[in-house]
Each structure stands twice: as C-alpha cells, then as structure tokens.
C-alpha cells in the first residue's frame, strides 16, 4: 500500500470517528474542518472530502443526502459504527 493510500484510509477512518463524535451526522464543511484539526491539511479540498464520502457511501458505511442540492450531509450507518 502506498503512502497516499494510507493517508486516504486514515482520513476516511477519521471521518467515521468525527461522525460518531457529532451524533452520527455531519456536513462536508464540518468534516473538512475536523480533518484539518486532526492534522490532515495537505491536499485537503472540499472535492477530496466529497470523494471520501462517496467512497464511504459505496462501502455502506454512511448514507449521503444533499441539503438544498448543494451540501453533502453524511450519516453513519450501523456498519460504519462497527
């Protein structure tokens, strides 16, 4: 596994932990700021966070809805809690 893949996996895990800390729900903006607070700053953009949320959704770990068709809002699933 490359360093880039390790960082991406850690960021996705951090997103799940941030969702748990915030009652199971969070929007892309809050999650981006949370990742930055955890030290994940290099190369972190909103589009990257959206990609992580899409990955987590395809794995069944979160569900994603859109607020006003613009902002991604993620909710952790039972599988994501495990």
C-alpha atoms as a PDB file:
ATOM      1  CA  UNK A   1       0.000   0.000   0.000  1.00  0.00           C
ATOM      2  CA  UNK A   2       1.389   3.408  -0.969  1.00  0.00           C
ATOM      3  CA  UNK A   3       1.699   6.326   1.440  1.00  0.00           C
ATOM      4  CA  UNK A   4      -1.096   8.127  -0.423  1.00  0.00           C
ATOM      5  CA  UNK A   5      -3.399   5.133   0.091  1.00  0.00           C
ATOM      6  CA  UNK A   6      -2.523   5.002   3.794  1.00  0.00           C
ATOM      7  CA  UNK A   7      -3.346   8.698   4.208  1.00  0.00           C
ATOM      8  CA  UNK A   8      -6.654   8.306   2.338  1.00  0.00           C
ATOM      9  CA  UNK A   9      -7.642   5.313   4.502  1.00  0.00           C
ATOM     10  CA  UNK A  10      -6.781   7.247   7.659  1.00  0.00           C
ATOM     11  CA  UNK A  11      -8.828  10.225   6.507  1.00  0.00           C
ATOM     12  CA  UNK A  12     -11.841   8.010   5.853  1.00  0.00           C
ATOM     13  CA  UNK A  13     -11.482   6.463   9.310  1.00  0.00           C
ATOM     14  CA  UNK A  14     -11.237   9.951  10.817  1.00  0.00           C
ATOM     15  CA  UNK A  15     -14.454  10.934   9.037  1.00  0.00           C
ATOM     16  CA  UNK A  16     -16.249   7.981  10.629  1.00  0.00           C
ATOM     17  CA  UNK A  17     -14.893   8.950  14.052  1.00  0.00           C
ATOM     18  CA  UNK A  18     -15.922  12.580  13.559  1.00  0.00           C
ATOM     19  CA  UNK A  19     -19.432  11.471  12.631  1.00  0.00           C
ATOM     20  CA  UNK A  20     -19.642   9.359  15.780  1.00  0.00           C
ATOM     21  CA  UNK A  21     -18.496  12.282  17.923  1.00  0.00           C
ATOM     22  CA  UNK A  22     -21.149  14.523  16.392  1.00  0.00           C
ATOM     23  CA  UNK A  23     -24.160  12.299  16.960  1.00  0.00           C
ATOM     24  CA  UNK A  24     -23.802  10.335  13.735  1.00  0.00           C
ATOM     25  CA  UNK A  25     -24.298  13.192  11.261  1.00  0.00           C
ATOM     26  CA  UNK A  26     -22.136  15.877   9.699  1.00  0.00           C
ATOM     27  CA  UNK A  27     -21.869  18.019   6.602  1.00  0.00           C
ATOM     28  CA  UNK A  28     -18.912  18.186   4.270  1.00  0.00           C
ATOM     29  CA  UNK A  29     -17.773  21.566   5.578  1.00  0.00           C
ATOM     30  CA  UNK A  30     -17.660  20.467   9.206  1.00  0.00           C
ATOM     31  CA  UNK A  31     -15.931  17.226   8.261  1.00  0.00           C
ATOM     32  CA  UNK A  32     -13.310  19.125   6.259  1.00  0.00           C
ATOM     33  CA  UNK A  33     -12.587  21.371   9.257  1.00  0.00           C
ATOM     34  CA  UNK A  34     -12.458  18.305  11.519  1.00  0.00           C
ATOM     35  CA  UNK A  35      -9.889  16.634   9.270  1.00  0.00           C
ATOM     36  CA  UNK A  36      -7.814  19.800   9.263  1.00  0.00           C
ATOM     37  CA  UNK A  37      -7.956  19.913  13.076  1.00  0.00           C
ATOM     38  CA  UNK A  38      -6.671  16.331  13.139  1.00  0.00           C
ATOM     39  CA  UNK A  39      -3.653  17.311  11.054  1.00  0.00           C
ATOM     40  CA  UNK A  40      -4.888  16.328   7.596  1.00  0.00           C
ATOM     41  CA  UNK A  41      -4.177  19.577   5.789  1.00  0.00           C
ATOM     42  CA  UNK A  42      -2.001  18.754   2.776  1.00  0.00           C
ATOM     43  CA  UNK A  43      -4.070  18.430  -0.384  1.00  0.00           C
ATOM     44  CA  UNK A  44      -7.351  18.607   1.504  1.00  0.00           C
ATOM     45  CA  UNK A  45     -10.072  20.308  -0.509  1.00  0.00           C
ATOM     46  CA  UNK A  46     -13.847  20.072  -0.472  1.00  0.00           C
ATOM     47  CA  UNK A  47     -13.800  17.870  -3.574  1.00  0.00           C
ATOM     48  CA  UNK A  48     -11.476  15.439  -1.783  1.00  0.00           C
ATOM     49  CA  UNK A  49     -13.826  15.246   1.208  1.00  0.00           C
ATOM     50  CA  UNK A  50     -16.718  14.622  -1.172  1.00  0.00           C
ATOM     51  CA  UNK A  51     -14.750  11.782  -2.736  1.00  0.00           C
ATOM     52  CA  UNK A  52     -14.185  10.208   0.671  1.00  0.00           C
ATOM     53  CA  UNK A  53     -17.886  10.477   1.486  1.00  0.00           C
ATOM     54  CA  UNK A  54     -18.771   8.863  -1.840  1.00  0.00           C
ATOM     55  CA  UNK A  55     -16.308   6.041  -1.109  1.00  0.00           C
ATOM     56  CA  UNK A  56     -17.751   5.520   2.380  1.00  0.00           C
ATOM     57  CA  UNK A  57     -21.280   5.515   0.971  1.00  0.00           C
ATOM     58  CA  UNK A  58     -20.389   2.897  -1.652  1.00  0.00           C
ATOM     59  CA  UNK A  59     -18.949   0.742   1.157  1.00  0.00           C
ATOM     60  CA  UNK A  60     -22.217   1.043   3.099  1.00  0.00           C
ATOM     61  CA  UNK A  61     -20.570   2.901   5.984  1.00  0.00           C
ATOM     62  CA  UNK A  62     -22.515   6.145   5.581  1.00  0.00           C
ATOM     63  CA  UNK A  63     -25.563   7.443   3.784  1.00  0.00           C
ATOM     64  CA  UNK A  64     -25.357  10.768   1.995  1.00  0.00           C
ATOM     65  CA  UNK A  65     -28.087  13.315   1.446  1.00  0.00           C
ATOM     66  CA  UNK A  66     -27.878  16.794  -0.010  1.00  0.00           C
ATOM     67  CA  UNK A  67     -29.019  19.927   1.765  1.00  0.00           C
ATOM     68  CA  UNK A  68     -30.518  22.307  -0.788  1.00  0.00           C
ATOM     69  CA  UNK A  69     -28.984  20.171  -3.529  1.00  0.00           C
ATOM     70  CA  UNK A  70     -25.539  21.593  -2.713  1.00  0.00           C
ATOM     71  CA  UNK A  71     -24.087  20.432   0.596  1.00  0.00           C
ATOM     72  CA  UNK A  72     -23.374  16.771   1.302  1.00  0.00           C
ATOM     73  CA  UNK A  73     -24.621  15.589   4.674  1.00  0.00           C
ATOM     74  CA  UNK A  74     -23.374  12.198   5.842  1.00  0.00           C
ATOM     75  CA  UNK A  75     -24.993   9.899   8.380  1.00  0.00           C
ATOM     76  CA  UNK A  76     -23.096   6.944   9.751  1.00  0.00           C
ATOM     77  CA  UNK A  77     -24.728   3.526   9.332  1.00  0.00           C
ATOM     78  CA  UNK A  78     -24.696   0.589  11.726  1.00  0.00           C
ATOM     79  CA  UNK A  79     -21.974  -0.959   9.580  1.00  0.00           C
ATOM     80  CA  UNK A  80     -19.931   2.258   9.851  1.00  0.00           C
ATOM     81  CA  UNK A  81     -20.128   2.139  13.649  1.00  0.00           C
ATOM     82  CA  UNK A  82     -18.580  -1.328  13.774  1.00  0.00           C
END
